[in-house]
Amino acid sequence: MRKRGRNVDDGRTRNMAKRKMDYSSRTKHPQPKIGTRYGKVLVIKIDYGPLGGIIAVYCRCDCGMEWSPLRDNLVAGKCSRCPLCRDKAMHDAQRKYDFVPEEHRERMQNIVHNAIGRCHRRPSRDYGKRGITVYAPWRKDRVEFVRYLLTLPGWDNPKLVVDRTDNDGNYEPSNLRFVTPSESMFNRRPFKLWPSTQISGKKRPGL
């Protein structure tokens, strides 16, 4: 007698296509539903596959544009407006820096972005975790941060970098300057030497 497959015996193959599977408990974010809003985006239609999985999600932005974003980006909060609104917002954000010469614009923006990032967004060991902060008004309005940098001598020299006069001080007025990378390297905290193993009896980490 020929043995039949397990899926054929219990009818799983025939019945699986008829059932609407619920995958909401297996995902990190709740599944989108018609009428759900994500920022400026409203879900207006959802296409399901034969097993109940979401194939496509159709949305409408407040500006009237309709398109189909990726489901994972939508539920993760990475798609809160349509491509047209996104491009317009990026263009308006760049126009705020029109007072900076074009050849120095990206460099100034990177200086501000990196300073706020290492102190607040992703605090690093030598900056944010050590108590170094960025002047609060500059965090709220990065344009003012750039305006202040343009008042410092040497801002238009791409070979210079921003340095804090007091290495233990914050990114704040009267504590910033443009210096060469070598000058910035020497303006650092005293290097702490590990005690000799013969004296302390402790091994240096990693040895």
N, C-alpha and C. Protein backbone atom coordinates (compact mmCIF):
# COMPACT_ATOMS: atom_id res chain seq x y z
N MET A 1 0.85 -1.19 0.00
CA MET A 1 0.00 0.00 0.00
C MET A 1 0.89 1.24 0.00
N ARG A 2 0.63 2.16 -0.92
CA ARG A 2 1.46 3.34 -1.04
C ARG A 2 1.08 4.35 0.03
N LYS A 3 2.12 4.88 0.72
CA LYS A 3 1.86 5.85 1.78
C LYS A 3 1.56 7.22 1.17
N ARG A 4 0.58 7.86 1.72
CA ARG A 4 0.22 9.19 1.24
C ARG A 4 0.94 10.24 2.07
N GLY A 5 1.18 11.40 1.50
CA GLY A 5 1.87 12.49 2.19
C GLY A 5 1.07 12.99 3.38
N ARG A 6 1.80 13.52 4.36
CA ARG A 6 1.14 14.00 5.57
C ARG A 6 0.19 15.14 5.27
N ASN A 7 0.60 16.08 4.41
CA ASN A 7 -0.26 17.21 4.10
C ASN A 7 -1.53 16.80 3.37
N VAL A 8 -1.42 15.71 2.60
CA VAL A 8 -2.62 15.25 1.89
C VAL A 8 -3.56 14.54 2.84
N ASP A 9 -2.99 13.80 3.83
CA ASP A 9 -3.82 13.06 4.78
C ASP A 9 -4.71 13.98 5.59
N ASP A 10 -4.14 15.04 6.16
CA ASP A 10 -4.95 15.88 7.04
C ASP A 10 -5.64 17.02 6.31
N GLY A 11 -5.50 17.06 4.99
CA GLY A 11 -6.20 18.08 4.23
C GLY A 11 -5.63 19.47 4.38
N ARG A 12 -4.38 19.58 4.89
CA ARG A 12 -3.80 20.89 5.16
C ARG A 12 -3.56 21.67 3.86
N THR A 13 -3.15 20.94 2.84
CA THR A 13 -2.86 21.60 1.56
C THR A 13 -4.12 22.18 0.95
N ARG A 14 -5.24 21.45 1.03
CA ARG A 14 -6.47 21.91 0.40
C ARG A 14 -7.12 23.03 1.18
N ASN A 15 -7.01 23.00 2.52
CA ASN A 15 -7.74 23.96 3.33
C ASN A 15 -6.96 25.24 3.61
N MET A 16 -5.61 25.21 3.42
CA MET A 16 -4.80 26.37 3.78
C MET A 16 -5.17 27.59 2.94
N ALA A 17 -5.46 27.35 1.67
CA ALA A 17 -5.80 28.48 0.80
C ALA A 17 -7.15 29.07 1.15
N LYS A 18 -8.03 28.32 1.82
CA LYS A 18 -9.35 28.81 2.16
C LYS A 18 -9.37 29.61 3.45
N ARG A 19 -8.34 29.41 4.28
CA ARG A 19 -8.30 30.11 5.56
C ARG A 19 -7.56 31.43 5.42
N LYS A 20 -7.96 32.41 6.15
CA LYS A 20 -7.29 33.71 6.18
C LYS A 20 -6.40 33.75 7.41
N MET A 21 -5.10 33.59 7.20
CA MET A 21 -4.16 33.51 8.30
C MET A 21 -3.97 34.88 8.94
N ASP A 22 -3.75 34.89 10.24
CA ASP A 22 -3.48 36.12 10.99
C ASP A 22 -2.03 36.12 11.42
N TYR A 23 -1.24 37.03 10.82
CA TYR A 23 0.19 37.10 11.12
C TYR A 23 0.51 38.26 12.07
N SER A 24 -0.49 38.90 12.65
CA SER A 24 -0.25 40.07 13.48
C SER A 24 0.57 39.76 14.71
N SER A 25 0.45 38.53 15.24
CA SER A 25 1.19 38.17 16.44
C SER A 25 2.65 37.84 16.14
N ARG A 26 3.02 37.68 14.87
CA ARG A 26 4.38 37.31 14.50
C ARG A 26 5.22 38.52 14.11
N THR A 27 4.62 39.67 14.00
CA THR A 27 5.33 40.86 13.55
C THR A 27 5.59 41.81 14.71
N LYS A 28 6.61 42.65 14.55
CA LYS A 28 6.99 43.59 15.60
C LYS A 28 5.99 44.72 15.73
N HIS A 29 5.45 45.20 14.60
CA HIS A 29 4.51 46.32 14.59
C HIS A 29 3.12 45.82 14.21
N PRO A 30 2.06 46.48 14.69
CA PRO A 30 0.69 46.10 14.30
C PRO A 30 0.51 46.23 12.79
N GLN A 31 -0.26 45.31 12.23
CA GLN A 31 -0.51 45.32 10.80
C GLN A 31 -1.42 46.50 10.42
N PRO A 32 -1.19 47.11 9.26
CA PRO A 32 -2.05 48.25 8.85
C PRO A 32 -3.46 47.80 8.54
N LYS A 33 -4.40 48.68 8.76
CA LYS A 33 -5.81 48.43 8.45
C LYS A 33 -6.35 49.63 7.70
N ILE A 34 -7.40 49.41 6.97
CA ILE A 34 -8.02 50.51 6.22
C ILE A 34 -8.52 51.56 7.19
N GLY A 35 -8.14 52.79 6.98
CA GLY A 35 -8.52 53.87 7.88
C GLY A 35 -7.44 54.25 8.87
N THR A 36 -6.37 53.43 8.96
CA THR A 36 -5.28 53.75 9.87
C THR A 36 -4.46 54.91 9.31
N ARG A 37 -4.06 55.82 10.19
CA ARG A 37 -3.29 56.99 9.76
C ARG A 37 -1.87 56.91 10.31
N TYR A 38 -0.91 57.21 9.45
CA TYR A 38 0.51 57.29 9.81
C TYR A 38 1.01 58.68 9.41
N GLY A 39 0.99 59.61 10.36
CA GLY A 39 1.39 60.98 10.04
C GLY A 39 0.40 61.62 9.09
N LYS A 40 0.86 61.98 7.89
CA LYS A 40 -0.01 62.58 6.87
C LYS A 40 -0.60 61.54 5.93
N VAL A 41 -0.35 60.26 6.20
CA VAL A 41 -0.72 59.18 5.29
C VAL A 41 -1.92 58.43 5.85
N LEU A 42 -2.90 58.16 4.99
CA LEU A 42 -4.10 57.41 5.36
C LEU A 42 -4.19 56.16 4.50
N VAL A 43 -4.38 55.00 5.14
CA VAL A 43 -4.51 53.74 4.41
C VAL A 43 -5.92 53.66 3.83
N ILE A 44 -6.00 53.47 2.50
CA ILE A 44 -7.31 53.45 1.82
C ILE A 44 -7.64 52.07 1.22
N LYS A 45 -6.63 51.22 1.03
CA LYS A 45 -6.88 49.91 0.43
C LYS A 45 -5.75 48.96 0.76
N ILE A 46 -6.08 47.68 0.96
CA ILE A 46 -5.09 46.65 1.25
C ILE A 46 -5.39 45.43 0.40
N ASP A 47 -4.36 44.92 -0.26
CA ASP A 47 -4.49 43.68 -1.03
C ASP A 47 -3.91 42.53 -0.23
N TYR A 48 -4.69 41.44 -0.08
CA TYR A 48 -4.26 40.26 0.64
C TYR A 48 -3.96 39.12 -0.32
N GLY A 49 -3.02 38.26 0.06
CA GLY A 49 -2.71 37.08 -0.72
C GLY A 49 -3.63 35.93 -0.38
N PRO A 50 -3.47 34.78 -1.02
CA PRO A 50 -4.36 33.63 -0.77
C PRO A 50 -4.27 33.08 0.65
N LEU A 51 -3.13 33.31 1.34
CA LEU A 51 -2.96 32.82 2.71
C LEU A 51 -3.19 33.90 3.75
N GLY A 52 -3.64 35.06 3.32
CA GLY A 52 -3.94 36.13 4.26
C GLY A 52 -2.84 37.13 4.46
N GLY A 53 -1.68 36.94 3.83
CA GLY A 53 -0.60 37.90 3.96
C GLY A 53 -0.87 39.16 3.14
N ILE A 54 -0.31 40.27 3.59
CA ILE A 54 -0.50 41.54 2.91
C ILE A 54 0.43 41.62 1.71
N ILE A 55 -0.14 41.84 0.53
CA ILE A 55 0.65 41.96 -0.70
C ILE A 55 1.00 43.42 -0.97
N ALA A 56 0.02 44.29 -0.83
CA ALA A 56 0.25 45.71 -1.13
C ALA A 56 -0.66 46.56 -0.26
N VAL A 57 -0.17 47.74 0.08
CA VAL A 57 -0.94 48.72 0.85
C VAL A 57 -1.02 50.00 0.04
N TYR A 58 -2.22 50.53 -0.11
CA TYR A 58 -2.42 51.76 -0.88
C TYR A 58 -2.82 52.88 0.08
N CYS A 59 -2.17 54.02 -0.08
CA CYS A 59 -2.37 55.12 0.86
C CYS A 59 -2.66 56.41 0.10
N ARG A 60 -3.21 57.37 0.84
CA ARG A 60 -3.46 58.71 0.32
C ARG A 60 -2.86 59.73 1.29
N CYS A 61 -2.05 60.64 0.75
CA CYS A 61 -1.45 61.70 1.56
C CYS A 61 -2.42 62.87 1.70
N ASP A 62 -2.19 63.72 2.67
CA ASP A 62 -3.05 64.89 2.87
C ASP A 62 -3.01 65.83 1.67
N CYS A 63 -1.94 65.77 0.88
CA CYS A 63 -1.85 66.62 -0.31
C CYS A 63 -2.68 66.07 -1.46
N GLY A 64 -3.18 64.85 -1.33
CA GLY A 64 -4.02 64.25 -2.37
C GLY A 64 -3.35 63.16 -3.17
N MET A 65 -2.06 62.98 -3.04
CA MET A 65 -1.35 61.97 -3.82
C MET A 65 -1.64 60.58 -3.28
N GLU A 66 -1.87 59.62 -4.19
CA GLU A 66 -2.09 58.23 -3.82
C GLU A 66 -0.94 57.39 -4.37
N TRP A 67 -0.41 56.51 -3.55
CA TRP A 67 0.69 55.63 -3.96
C TRP A 67 0.73 54.43 -3.03
N SER A 68 1.60 53.46 -3.34
CA SER A 68 1.71 52.24 -2.56
C SER A 68 3.10 52.14 -1.94
N PRO A 69 3.25 52.50 -0.65
CA PRO A 69 4.56 52.39 0.00
C PRO A 69 4.82 50.97 0.46
N LEU A 70 6.05 50.70 0.86
CA LEU A 70 6.38 49.40 1.43
C LEU A 70 5.72 49.23 2.78
N ARG A 71 5.12 48.07 3.01
CA ARG A 71 4.39 47.84 4.24
C ARG A 71 5.30 47.98 5.46
N ASP A 72 6.51 47.42 5.41
CA ASP A 72 7.40 47.46 6.57
C ASP A 72 7.78 48.90 6.92
N ASN A 73 8.05 49.73 5.92
CA ASN A 73 8.37 51.13 6.18
C ASN A 73 7.18 51.88 6.76
N LEU A 74 6.00 51.52 6.30
CA LEU A 74 4.80 52.21 6.78
C LEU A 74 4.53 51.93 8.25
N VAL A 75 4.53 50.66 8.65
CA VAL A 75 4.21 50.31 10.03
C VAL A 75 5.33 50.68 10.99
N ALA A 76 6.57 50.82 10.49
CA ALA A 76 7.69 51.19 11.35
C ALA A 76 7.81 52.69 11.53
N GLY A 77 6.92 53.47 10.91
CA GLY A 77 6.95 54.92 11.07
C GLY A 77 7.95 55.61 10.16
N LYS A 78 8.48 54.91 9.15
CA LYS A 78 9.45 55.50 8.25
C LYS A 78 8.80 56.14 7.02
N CYS A 79 7.50 56.06 6.94
CA CYS A 79 6.78 56.61 5.78
C CYS A 79 5.57 57.38 6.29
N SER A 80 5.77 58.62 6.67
CA SER A 80 4.69 59.42 7.23
C SER A 80 4.20 60.51 6.29
N ARG A 81 4.73 60.52 5.05
CA ARG A 81 4.29 61.49 4.03
C ARG A 81 4.64 60.93 2.66
N CYS A 82 4.04 61.50 1.63
CA CYS A 82 4.26 61.01 0.27
C CYS A 82 5.61 61.50 -0.25
N PRO A 83 6.10 60.93 -1.34
CA PRO A 83 7.39 61.38 -1.90
C PRO A 83 7.42 62.86 -2.27
N LEU A 84 6.29 63.40 -2.75
CA LEU A 84 6.26 64.81 -3.12
C LEU A 84 6.43 65.70 -1.89
N CYS A 85 5.72 65.39 -0.81
CA CYS A 85 5.85 66.17 0.43
C CYS A 85 7.24 66.01 1.03
N ARG A 86 7.82 64.82 0.91
CA ARG A 86 9.17 64.60 1.42
C ARG A 86 10.18 65.45 0.67
N ASP A 87 10.09 65.44 -0.66
CA ASP A 87 11.04 66.23 -1.46
C ASP A 87 10.87 67.72 -1.21
N LYS A 88 9.63 68.17 -1.04
CA LYS A 88 9.39 69.59 -0.76
C LYS A 88 9.97 69.99 0.59
N ALA A 89 9.81 69.12 1.60
CA ALA A 89 10.35 69.42 2.92
C ALA A 89 11.88 69.46 2.88
N MET A 90 12.50 68.54 2.13
CA MET A 90 13.95 68.55 2.02
C MET A 90 14.44 69.80 1.31
N HIS A 91 13.71 70.23 0.28
CA HIS A 91 14.09 71.45 -0.45
C HIS A 91 13.98 72.67 0.46
N ASP A 92 12.88 72.75 1.23
CA ASP A 92 12.71 73.89 2.14
C ASP A 92 13.78 73.89 3.22
N ALA A 93 14.17 72.70 3.70
CA ALA A 93 15.21 72.63 4.73
C ALA A 93 16.55 73.11 4.19
N GLN A 94 16.84 72.79 2.94
CA GLN A 94 18.11 73.22 2.36
C GLN A 94 18.12 74.72 2.11
N ARG A 95 16.99 75.31 1.83
CA ARG A 95 16.94 76.75 1.56
C ARG A 95 17.27 77.58 2.79
N LYS A 96 17.17 76.98 3.98
CA LYS A 96 17.51 77.71 5.20
C LYS A 96 19.00 78.05 5.25
N TYR A 97 19.80 77.29 4.50
CA TYR A 97 21.25 77.49 4.53
C TYR A 97 21.75 78.23 3.30
N ASP A 98 20.88 78.98 2.66
CA ASP A 98 21.29 79.71 1.46
C ASP A 98 22.31 80.80 1.77
N PHE A 99 22.40 81.24 3.01
CA PHE A 99 23.36 82.29 3.36
C PHE A 99 24.79 81.75 3.43
N VAL A 100 24.95 80.43 3.41
CA VAL A 100 26.28 79.83 3.43
C VAL A 100 26.74 79.63 1.98
N PRO A 101 27.96 80.02 1.64
CA PRO A 101 28.47 79.75 0.28
C PRO A 101 28.35 78.27 -0.07
N GLU A 102 27.99 78.00 -1.29
CA GLU A 102 27.69 76.63 -1.71
C GLU A 102 28.86 75.68 -1.49
N GLU A 103 30.10 76.16 -1.69
CA GLU A 103 31.25 75.28 -1.55
C GLU A 103 31.52 74.89 -0.10
N HIS A 104 30.93 75.63 0.87
CA HIS A 104 31.14 75.32 2.29
C HIS A 104 29.86 74.83 2.97
N ARG A 105 28.77 74.77 2.24
CA ARG A 105 27.47 74.46 2.86
C ARG A 105 27.44 73.06 3.45
N GLU A 106 27.84 72.08 2.69
CA GLU A 106 27.79 70.69 3.18
C GLU A 106 28.74 70.50 4.36
N ARG A 107 29.89 71.14 4.31
CA ARG A 107 30.87 71.00 5.40
C ARG A 107 30.32 71.58 6.70
N MET A 108 29.68 72.74 6.64
CA MET A 108 29.12 73.34 7.84
C MET A 108 27.98 72.49 8.42
N GLN A 109 27.16 71.95 7.54
CA GLN A 109 26.06 71.09 8.01
C GLN A 109 26.60 69.82 8.65
N ASN A 110 27.65 69.26 8.10
CA ASN A 110 28.23 68.05 8.68
C ASN A 110 28.82 68.33 10.06
N ILE A 111 29.44 69.49 10.24
CA ILE A 111 30.01 69.83 11.55
C ILE A 111 28.91 69.88 12.61
N VAL A 112 27.82 70.54 12.28
CA VAL A 112 26.70 70.65 13.23
C VAL A 112 26.07 69.28 13.48
N HIS A 113 25.85 68.52 12.41
CA HIS A 113 25.23 67.20 12.54
C HIS A 113 26.06 66.26 13.41
N ASN A 114 27.37 66.24 13.19
CA ASN A 114 28.24 65.35 13.96
C ASN A 114 28.35 65.76 15.42
N ALA A 115 28.38 67.07 15.69
CA ALA A 115 28.47 67.53 17.07
C ALA A 115 27.24 67.14 17.87
N ILE A 116 26.06 67.34 17.31
CA ILE A 116 24.82 66.97 18.01
C ILE A 116 24.71 65.46 18.12
N GLY A 117 25.16 64.74 17.11
CA GLY A 117 25.06 63.28 17.14
C GLY A 117 25.92 62.66 18.22
N ARG A 118 27.19 63.08 18.33
CA ARG A 118 28.08 62.47 19.31
C ARG A 118 27.76 62.87 20.74
N CYS A 119 27.00 63.97 20.91
CA CYS A 119 26.67 64.43 22.26
C CYS A 119 25.27 64.04 22.71
N HIS A 120 24.32 63.91 21.79
CA HIS A 120 22.92 63.73 22.19
C HIS A 120 22.26 62.55 21.48
N ARG A 121 22.31 62.51 20.16
CA ARG A 121 21.56 61.47 19.46
C ARG A 121 22.13 60.09 19.74
N ARG A 122 23.45 59.94 19.62
CA ARG A 122 24.14 58.70 19.97
C ARG A 122 25.35 59.07 20.81
N PRO A 123 25.15 59.28 22.09
CA PRO A 123 26.26 59.76 22.95
C PRO A 123 27.45 58.80 22.91
N SER A 124 28.61 59.34 22.62
CA SER A 124 29.82 58.53 22.60
C SER A 124 30.55 58.64 23.94
N ARG A 125 31.51 57.78 24.13
CA ARG A 125 32.24 57.72 25.40
C ARG A 125 32.99 59.02 25.69
N ASP A 126 33.55 59.64 24.67
CA ASP A 126 34.38 60.82 24.87
C ASP A 126 33.61 62.13 24.79
N TYR A 127 32.29 62.04 24.53
CA TYR A 127 31.51 63.28 24.39
C TYR A 127 30.25 63.21 25.26
N GLY A 128 29.17 62.66 24.72
CA GLY A 128 27.90 62.66 25.44
C GLY A 128 27.95 61.94 26.77
N LYS A 129 28.60 60.79 26.83
CA LYS A 129 28.67 60.03 28.07
C LYS A 129 29.62 60.66 29.08
N ARG A 130 30.40 61.64 28.62
CA ARG A 130 31.30 62.35 29.52
C ARG A 130 30.69 63.67 30.00
N GLY A 131 29.46 63.95 29.57
CA GLY A 131 28.78 65.16 30.00
C GLY A 131 28.90 66.34 29.05
N ILE A 132 29.50 66.13 27.88
CA ILE A 132 29.62 67.21 26.90
C ILE A 132 28.28 67.38 26.18
N THR A 133 27.80 68.60 26.10
CA THR A 133 26.53 68.88 25.46
C THR A 133 26.67 70.00 24.44
N VAL A 134 25.64 70.18 23.65
CA VAL A 134 25.57 71.26 22.67
C VAL A 134 24.62 72.32 23.21
N TYR A 135 24.99 73.57 23.05
CA TYR A 135 24.19 74.71 23.50
C TYR A 135 22.73 74.50 23.10
N ALA A 136 21.81 74.57 24.08
CA ALA A 136 20.40 74.21 23.86
C ALA A 136 19.75 74.95 22.69
N PRO A 137 19.91 76.29 22.56
CA PRO A 137 19.30 76.97 21.40
C PRO A 137 19.83 76.46 20.07
N TRP A 138 21.08 75.98 20.05
CA TRP A 138 21.63 75.44 18.80
C TRP A 138 21.02 74.09 18.48
N ARG A 139 20.66 73.32 19.49
CA ARG A 139 20.03 72.03 19.22
C ARG A 139 18.64 72.23 18.63
N LYS A 140 17.94 73.24 19.07
CA LYS A 140 16.60 73.50 18.56
C LYS A 140 16.64 74.11 17.16
N ASP A 141 17.63 74.94 16.90
CA ASP A 141 17.75 75.62 15.60
C ASP A 141 19.19 75.49 15.11
N ARG A 142 19.43 74.52 14.25
CA ARG A 142 20.78 74.28 13.76
C ARG A 142 21.29 75.42 12.88
N VAL A 143 20.37 76.18 12.31
CA VAL A 143 20.78 77.31 11.48
C VAL A 143 21.56 78.32 12.31
N GLU A 144 21.13 78.54 13.55
CA GLU A 144 21.84 79.48 14.43
C GLU A 144 23.24 78.96 14.77
N PHE A 145 23.37 77.65 14.89
CA PHE A 145 24.68 77.05 15.12
C PHE A 145 25.61 77.38 13.95
N VAL A 146 25.09 77.21 12.73
CA VAL A 146 25.90 77.50 11.55
C VAL A 146 26.23 78.99 11.47
N ARG A 147 25.27 79.84 11.81
CA ARG A 147 25.52 81.29 11.78
C ARG A 147 26.66 81.66 12.73
N TYR A 148 26.71 81.03 13.87
CA TYR A 148 27.79 81.33 14.81
C TYR A 148 29.14 80.85 14.27
N LEU A 149 29.14 79.67 13.65
CA LEU A 149 30.39 79.16 13.10
C LEU A 149 30.97 80.09 12.04
N LEU A 150 30.10 80.76 11.30
CA LEU A 150 30.57 81.67 10.25
C LEU A 150 31.21 82.93 10.82
N THR A 151 31.04 83.19 12.10
CA THR A 151 31.66 84.36 12.72
C THR A 151 33.06 84.06 13.24
N LEU A 152 33.46 82.79 13.23
CA LEU A 152 34.78 82.41 13.76
C LEU A 152 35.84 82.52 12.67
N PRO A 153 37.04 82.96 13.02
CA PRO A 153 38.12 83.02 12.04
C PRO A 153 38.49 81.63 11.51
N GLY A 154 38.67 81.54 10.20
CA GLY A 154 39.09 80.29 9.59
C GLY A 154 37.96 79.37 9.18
N TRP A 155 36.71 79.83 9.27
CA TRP A 155 35.59 78.93 8.93
C TRP A 155 35.60 78.55 7.46
N ASP A 156 36.17 79.39 6.60
CA ASP A 156 36.17 79.13 5.16
C ASP A 156 37.39 78.34 4.69
N ASN A 157 38.19 77.86 5.63
CA ASN A 157 39.36 77.04 5.29
C ASN A 157 39.00 75.57 5.49
N PRO A 158 38.84 74.81 4.42
CA PRO A 158 38.42 73.40 4.56
C PRO A 158 39.44 72.52 5.26
N LYS A 159 40.67 73.00 5.45
CA LYS A 159 41.70 72.21 6.11
C LYS A 159 41.61 72.32 7.64
N LEU A 160 40.79 73.24 8.15
CA LEU A 160 40.64 73.42 9.59
C LEU A 160 39.43 72.67 10.11
N VAL A 161 39.46 72.33 11.38
CA VAL A 161 38.37 71.61 12.04
C VAL A 161 37.90 72.41 13.25
N VAL A 162 36.69 72.12 13.70
CA VAL A 162 36.15 72.79 14.89
C VAL A 162 36.72 72.14 16.14
N ASP A 163 37.15 72.98 17.08
CA ASP A 163 37.75 72.48 18.31
C ASP A 163 37.19 73.27 19.48
N ARG A 164 37.03 72.60 20.62
CA ARG A 164 36.59 73.28 21.84
C ARG A 164 37.83 73.78 22.59
N THR A 165 37.84 75.07 22.90
CA THR A 165 38.99 75.65 23.60
C THR A 165 39.23 74.94 24.92
N ASP A 166 38.16 74.76 25.68
CA ASP A 166 38.22 73.98 26.92
C ASP A 166 37.73 72.58 26.60
N ASN A 167 38.63 71.60 26.65
CA ASN A 167 38.26 70.25 26.27
C ASN A 167 37.18 69.65 27.15
N ASP A 168 37.05 70.16 28.37
CA ASP A 168 36.00 69.68 29.26
C ASP A 168 34.73 70.53 29.15
N GLY A 169 34.75 71.56 28.29
CA GLY A 169 33.59 72.42 28.11
C GLY A 169 32.65 71.89 27.04
N ASN A 170 31.56 72.59 26.84
CA ASN A 170 30.53 72.18 25.90
C ASN A 170 30.68 72.90 24.56
N TYR A 171 29.86 72.49 23.62
CA TYR A 171 29.75 73.22 22.36
C TYR A 171 28.86 74.43 22.62
N GLU A 172 29.46 75.54 22.91
CA GLU A 172 28.72 76.74 23.29
C GLU A 172 29.50 77.96 22.83
N PRO A 173 28.85 79.12 22.82
CA PRO A 173 29.56 80.34 22.40
C PRO A 173 30.80 80.59 23.27
N SER A 174 31.81 81.14 22.65
CA SER A 174 33.09 81.49 23.27
C SER A 174 33.95 80.26 23.61
N ASN A 175 33.51 79.07 23.24
CA ASN A 175 34.33 77.88 23.52
C ASN A 175 34.67 77.11 22.24
N LEU A 176 34.41 77.72 21.08
CA LEU A 176 34.68 77.05 19.81
C LEU A 176 35.68 77.86 19.00
N ARG A 177 36.44 77.16 18.18
CA ARG A 177 37.43 77.79 17.31
C ARG A 177 37.76 76.82 16.19
N PHE A 178 38.34 77.35 15.12
CA PHE A 178 38.81 76.54 14.01
C PHE A 178 40.32 76.42 14.10
N VAL A 179 40.82 75.19 14.15
CA VAL A 179 42.25 74.94 14.25
C VAL A 179 42.63 73.83 13.29
N THR A 180 43.91 73.59 13.15
CA THR A 180 44.37 72.47 12.33
C THR A 180 44.14 71.15 13.06
N PRO A 181 44.05 70.05 12.36
CA PRO A 181 43.87 68.75 13.02
C PRO A 181 44.95 68.43 14.04
N SER A 182 46.19 68.84 13.79
CA SER A 182 47.27 68.56 14.74
C SER A 182 47.07 69.36 16.02
N GLU A 183 46.65 70.62 15.90
CA GLU A 183 46.38 71.43 17.10
C GLU A 183 45.22 70.85 17.89
N SER A 184 44.20 70.38 17.20
CA SER A 184 43.07 69.76 17.89
C SER A 184 43.48 68.48 18.59
N MET A 185 44.40 67.73 18.00
CA MET A 185 44.85 66.47 18.60
C MET A 185 45.57 66.71 19.92
N PHE A 186 46.34 67.79 20.02
CA PHE A 186 47.07 68.08 21.25
C PHE A 186 46.17 68.69 22.33
N ASN A 187 45.01 69.18 21.94
CA ASN A 187 44.06 69.74 22.92
C ASN A 187 43.14 68.62 23.39
N ARG A 188 43.66 67.76 24.22
CA ARG A 188 42.89 66.62 24.71
C ARG A 188 43.18 66.40 26.19
N ARG A 189 42.43 65.50 26.78
CA ARG A 189 42.63 65.18 28.19
C ARG A 189 43.97 64.48 28.39
N PRO A 190 44.54 64.61 29.58
CA PRO A 190 45.80 63.89 29.85
C PRO A 190 45.61 62.39 29.69
N PHE A 191 46.57 61.76 29.06
CA PHE A 191 46.51 60.32 28.85
C PHE A 191 46.78 59.59 30.15
N LYS A 192 45.89 58.65 30.49
CA LYS A 192 46.03 57.89 31.74
C LYS A 192 46.80 56.61 31.48
N LEU A 193 47.96 56.50 32.11
CA LEU A 193 48.77 55.29 31.98
C LEU A 193 48.31 54.23 32.96
N TRP A 194 48.32 53.00 32.50
CA TRP A 194 47.97 51.91 33.39
C TRP A 194 49.15 51.61 34.33
N PRO A 195 48.88 51.36 35.60
CA PRO A 195 49.98 51.05 36.53
C PRO A 195 50.70 49.77 36.14
N SER A 196 51.96 49.72 36.48
CA SER A 196 52.77 48.56 36.13
C SER A 196 52.23 47.31 36.83
N THR A 197 52.27 46.19 36.12
CA THR A 197 51.77 44.94 36.71
C THR A 197 52.64 44.48 37.87
N GLN A 198 53.94 44.88 37.86
CA GLN A 198 54.81 44.49 38.96
C GLN A 198 54.45 45.22 40.24
N ILE A 199 53.88 46.44 40.10
CA ILE A 199 53.56 47.24 41.29
C ILE A 199 52.16 46.92 41.79
N SER A 200 51.20 46.93 40.89
CA SER A 200 49.81 46.78 41.32
C SER A 200 49.36 45.32 41.34
N GLY A 201 50.00 44.48 40.53
CA GLY A 201 49.58 43.09 40.45
C GLY A 201 48.38 42.86 39.58
N LYS A 202 47.89 43.93 38.89
CA LYS A 202 46.71 43.81 38.03
C LYS A 202 47.17 43.82 36.58
N LYS A 203 46.50 43.02 35.78
CA LYS A 203 46.84 42.98 34.37
C LYS A 203 46.07 44.04 33.61
N ARG A 204 46.69 44.60 32.62
CA ARG A 204 46.03 45.57 31.76
C ARG A 204 44.95 44.88 30.94
N PRO A 205 43.77 45.47 30.78
CA PRO A 205 42.70 44.82 30.01
C PRO A 205 43.16 44.50 28.61
N GLY A 206 42.83 43.33 28.16
CA GLY A 206 43.18 42.91 26.82
C GLY A 206 44.50 42.15 26.74
N LEU A 207 45.23 42.09 27.86
CA LEU A 207 46.51 41.39 27.87
C LEU A 207 46.37 40.02 28.52
